[in-house]
Amino acid sequence: MSKRLQVLVPEDEYAEIQETARRCRLTVAEWVRQTMREALGSMSPSADPDTARLRAIAEASQHEFPTADIDEMLRDIETGRLAS
């Protein structure tokens, strides 16, 4: 059986929630349900911190970030700054 949950939020927060749900192509209700499930899962006392760390590393590895030798990156940054 489902239960109704009513939460009052300021208008500006609600507008932000609406926009986020729209970008995710979800209703506000579904976006809130999914977000609450994620929050419950991450806050569970039985959640293994190592699993959370591994999940964060796996998610981060899906992104492409520029990489280079740190000295080379700093030189490039400084060169760009001087050229401006």
N, C-alpha and C. Protein backbone atom coordinates (compact mmCIF):
# COMPACT_ATOMS: atom_id res chain seq x y z
N MET A 1 0.84 -1.17 0.00
CA MET A 1 0.00 0.00 0.00
C MET A 1 0.89 1.24 0.00
N SER A 2 0.52 2.22 -0.76
CA SER A 2 1.27 3.48 -0.84
C SER A 2 0.73 4.46 0.19
N LYS A 3 1.61 5.33 0.63
CA LYS A 3 1.24 6.40 1.57
C LYS A 3 1.55 7.73 0.92
N ARG A 4 0.74 8.71 1.22
CA ARG A 4 0.97 10.06 0.69
C ARG A 4 1.92 10.79 1.64
N LEU A 5 2.88 11.50 1.07
CA LEU A 5 3.82 12.31 1.84
C LEU A 5 3.73 13.73 1.31
N GLN A 6 3.45 14.67 2.18
CA GLN A 6 3.37 16.07 1.76
C GLN A 6 4.52 16.83 2.38
N VAL A 7 5.26 17.52 1.54
CA VAL A 7 6.41 18.29 1.99
C VAL A 7 6.26 19.70 1.44
N LEU A 8 6.36 20.68 2.32
CA LEU A 8 6.26 22.06 1.89
C LEU A 8 7.66 22.60 1.63
N VAL A 9 7.83 23.22 0.46
CA VAL A 9 9.12 23.81 0.11
C VAL A 9 8.86 25.22 -0.41
N PRO A 10 9.84 26.10 -0.25
CA PRO A 10 9.68 27.46 -0.79
C PRO A 10 9.50 27.42 -2.31
N GLU A 11 8.83 28.42 -2.85
CA GLU A 11 8.52 28.46 -4.28
C GLU A 11 9.77 28.35 -5.15
N ASP A 12 10.85 29.02 -4.75
CA ASP A 12 12.06 28.99 -5.57
C ASP A 12 12.67 27.59 -5.61
N GLU A 13 12.62 26.88 -4.47
CA GLU A 13 13.12 25.50 -4.45
C GLU A 13 12.24 24.60 -5.31
N TYR A 14 10.93 24.81 -5.24
CA TYR A 14 10.02 24.00 -6.04
C TYR A 14 10.26 24.21 -7.53
N ALA A 15 10.52 25.45 -7.91
CA ALA A 15 10.80 25.75 -9.32
C ALA A 15 12.07 25.03 -9.76
N GLU A 16 13.06 24.99 -8.89
CA GLU A 16 14.31 24.29 -9.21
C GLU A 16 14.07 22.78 -9.33
N ILE A 17 13.25 22.24 -8.44
CA ILE A 17 12.90 20.81 -8.50
C ILE A 17 12.15 20.52 -9.80
N GLN A 18 11.20 21.37 -10.15
CA GLN A 18 10.44 21.19 -11.39
C GLN A 18 11.37 21.17 -12.60
N GLU A 19 12.29 22.12 -12.65
CA GLU A 19 13.22 22.22 -13.78
C GLU A 19 14.13 20.99 -13.85
N THR A 20 14.61 20.54 -12.70
CA THR A 20 15.47 19.35 -12.67
C THR A 20 14.70 18.12 -13.14
N ALA A 21 13.47 17.97 -12.66
CA ALA A 21 12.64 16.84 -13.08
C ALA A 21 12.37 16.90 -14.58
N ARG A 22 12.10 18.10 -15.10
CA ARG A 22 11.84 18.26 -16.52
C ARG A 22 13.06 17.84 -17.34
N ARG A 23 14.27 18.27 -16.89
CA ARG A 23 15.49 17.91 -17.61
C ARG A 23 15.72 16.40 -17.59
N CYS A 24 15.28 15.75 -16.51
CA CYS A 24 15.42 14.29 -16.40
C CYS A 24 14.26 13.56 -17.09
N ARG A 25 13.32 14.35 -17.64
CA ARG A 25 12.13 13.79 -18.30
C ARG A 25 11.31 12.93 -17.34
N LEU A 26 11.14 13.45 -16.12
CA LEU A 26 10.37 12.78 -15.08
C LEU A 26 9.33 13.75 -14.54
N THR A 27 8.28 13.20 -13.95
CA THR A 27 7.37 14.05 -13.21
C THR A 27 8.07 14.46 -11.92
N VAL A 28 7.58 15.50 -11.31
CA VAL A 28 8.16 15.93 -10.03
C VAL A 28 8.05 14.79 -9.02
N ALA A 29 6.90 14.13 -8.99
CA ALA A 29 6.69 13.05 -8.02
C ALA A 29 7.70 11.92 -8.22
N GLU A 30 7.92 11.52 -9.48
CA GLU A 30 8.87 10.43 -9.74
C GLU A 30 10.29 10.86 -9.42
N TRP A 31 10.64 12.10 -9.74
CA TRP A 31 11.98 12.59 -9.43
C TRP A 31 12.21 12.58 -7.92
N VAL A 32 11.20 13.03 -7.17
CA VAL A 32 11.32 13.04 -5.71
C VAL A 32 11.45 11.61 -5.18
N ARG A 33 10.64 10.67 -5.70
CA ARG A 33 10.74 9.28 -5.24
C ARG A 33 12.14 8.71 -5.50
N GLN A 34 12.65 8.93 -6.71
CA GLN A 34 13.97 8.40 -7.04
C GLN A 34 15.06 9.03 -6.18
N THR A 35 14.95 10.33 -5.97
CA THR A 35 15.94 11.04 -5.16
C THR A 35 15.90 10.56 -3.72
N MET A 36 14.70 10.32 -3.20
CA MET A 36 14.58 9.82 -1.83
C MET A 36 15.15 8.41 -1.71
N ARG A 37 14.91 7.56 -2.72
CA ARG A 37 15.48 6.21 -2.69
C ARG A 37 17.00 6.26 -2.68
N GLU A 38 17.57 7.13 -3.52
CA GLU A 38 19.02 7.27 -3.55
C GLU A 38 19.55 7.74 -2.20
N ALA A 39 18.87 8.71 -1.60
CA ALA A 39 19.30 9.24 -0.31
C ALA A 39 19.21 8.17 0.77
N LEU A 40 18.13 7.41 0.76
CA LEU A 40 17.99 6.34 1.76
C LEU A 40 19.08 5.30 1.60
N GLY A 41 19.40 4.96 0.36
CA GLY A 41 20.44 3.96 0.11
C GLY A 41 21.81 4.43 0.55
N SER A 42 22.10 5.72 0.36
CA SER A 42 23.42 6.22 0.72
C SER A 42 23.54 6.50 2.21
N MET A 43 22.42 6.62 2.91
CA MET A 43 22.47 6.94 4.33
C MET A 43 22.26 5.70 5.20
N SER A 44 22.06 4.58 4.56
CA SER A 44 21.81 3.35 5.31
C SER A 44 23.01 3.01 6.18
N PRO A 45 22.78 2.73 7.49
CA PRO A 45 23.90 2.39 8.37
C PRO A 45 24.61 1.11 7.92
N SER A 46 23.91 0.28 7.17
CA SER A 46 24.53 -0.96 6.72
C SER A 46 25.31 -0.78 5.43
N ALA A 47 25.25 0.44 4.86
CA ALA A 47 25.96 0.70 3.61
C ALA A 47 27.46 0.62 3.86
N ASP A 48 28.14 -0.15 3.05
CA ASP A 48 29.57 -0.35 3.18
C ASP A 48 30.29 0.87 2.61
N PRO A 49 31.10 1.58 3.41
CA PRO A 49 31.80 2.76 2.91
C PRO A 49 32.73 2.43 1.75
N ASP A 50 33.33 1.24 1.76
CA ASP A 50 34.22 0.86 0.66
C ASP A 50 33.43 0.74 -0.63
N THR A 51 32.21 0.22 -0.56
CA THR A 51 31.37 0.09 -1.74
C THR A 51 31.03 1.47 -2.29
N ALA A 52 30.73 2.40 -1.40
CA ALA A 52 30.40 3.76 -1.82
C ALA A 52 31.61 4.41 -2.49
N ARG A 53 32.79 4.18 -1.94
CA ARG A 53 34.01 4.75 -2.54
C ARG A 53 34.26 4.16 -3.91
N LEU A 54 34.09 2.84 -4.02
CA LEU A 54 34.30 2.20 -5.31
C LEU A 54 33.29 2.68 -6.34
N ARG A 55 32.06 2.88 -5.91
CA ARG A 55 31.02 3.38 -6.80
C ARG A 55 31.38 4.79 -7.28
N ALA A 56 31.88 5.63 -6.36
CA ALA A 56 32.27 7.00 -6.73
C ALA A 56 33.43 6.98 -7.72
N ILE A 57 34.39 6.08 -7.51
CA ILE A 57 35.52 5.97 -8.44
C ILE A 57 35.03 5.50 -9.80
N ALA A 58 34.13 4.52 -9.82
CA ALA A 58 33.59 4.02 -11.09
C ALA A 58 32.84 5.11 -11.84
N GLU A 59 32.06 5.90 -11.12
CA GLU A 59 31.32 6.99 -11.76
C GLU A 59 32.28 8.04 -12.29
N ALA A 60 33.30 8.38 -11.51
CA ALA A 60 34.27 9.40 -11.94
C ALA A 60 35.05 8.93 -13.16
N SER A 61 35.29 7.64 -13.26
CA SER A 61 36.08 7.13 -14.38
C SER A 61 35.32 7.19 -15.70
N GLN A 62 34.01 7.45 -15.64
CA GLN A 62 33.21 7.56 -16.86
C GLN A 62 33.39 8.92 -17.53
N HIS A 63 34.00 9.86 -16.82
CA HIS A 63 34.19 11.21 -17.35
C HIS A 63 35.56 11.32 -18.02
N GLU A 64 35.66 12.25 -18.93
CA GLU A 64 36.94 12.50 -19.58
C GLU A 64 37.44 13.88 -19.15
N PHE A 65 38.52 13.88 -18.41
CA PHE A 65 39.13 15.13 -17.95
C PHE A 65 40.50 15.26 -18.58
N PRO A 66 40.95 16.50 -18.80
CA PRO A 66 42.29 16.67 -19.37
C PRO A 66 43.35 16.19 -18.37
N THR A 67 44.34 15.51 -18.89
CA THR A 67 45.42 15.05 -18.02
C THR A 67 46.75 15.39 -18.67
N ALA A 68 47.71 15.64 -17.86
CA ALA A 68 49.07 15.91 -18.31
C ALA A 68 49.97 15.95 -17.09
N ASP A 69 51.23 16.05 -17.34
CA ASP A 69 52.19 16.24 -16.26
C ASP A 69 51.84 17.55 -15.56
N ILE A 70 51.88 17.59 -14.24
CA ILE A 70 51.45 18.76 -13.49
C ILE A 70 52.26 19.99 -13.87
N ASP A 71 53.57 19.83 -14.06
CA ASP A 71 54.40 20.98 -14.44
C ASP A 71 53.98 21.52 -15.81
N GLU A 72 53.66 20.62 -16.74
CA GLU A 72 53.22 21.03 -18.07
C GLU A 72 51.87 21.75 -17.98
N MET A 73 50.96 21.24 -17.17
CA MET A 73 49.65 21.89 -17.01
C MET A 73 49.80 23.29 -16.42
N LEU A 74 50.64 23.42 -15.41
CA LEU A 74 50.84 24.72 -14.78
C LEU A 74 51.46 25.71 -15.77
N ARG A 75 52.40 25.23 -16.59
CA ARG A 75 53.02 26.08 -17.61
C ARG A 75 51.95 26.55 -18.61
N ASP A 76 51.08 25.61 -19.05
CA ASP A 76 50.02 25.96 -20.01
C ASP A 76 49.06 26.98 -19.41
N ILE A 77 48.72 26.80 -18.15
CA ILE A 77 47.82 27.74 -17.47
C ILE A 77 48.45 29.11 -17.42
N GLU A 78 49.71 29.17 -17.02
CA GLU A 78 50.40 30.45 -16.92
C GLU A 78 50.55 31.11 -18.30
N THR A 79 50.84 30.31 -19.30
CA THR A 79 50.96 30.84 -20.66
C THR A 79 49.63 31.45 -21.11
N GLY A 80 48.54 30.74 -20.85
CA GLY A 80 47.22 31.26 -21.19
C GLY A 80 46.89 32.53 -20.44
N ARG A 81 47.27 32.59 -19.18
CA ARG A 81 47.01 33.76 -18.36
C ARG A 81 47.79 34.97 -18.90
N LEU A 82 49.04 34.75 -19.29
CA LEU A 82 49.88 35.85 -19.79
C LEU A 82 49.40 36.32 -21.16
N ALA A 83 48.81 35.42 -21.95
CA ALA A 83 48.35 35.76 -23.29
C ALA A 83 47.06 36.59 -23.25
N SER A 84 46.35 36.56 -22.14
CA SER A 84 45.06 37.30 -22.05
C SER A 84 45.26 38.77 -21.91
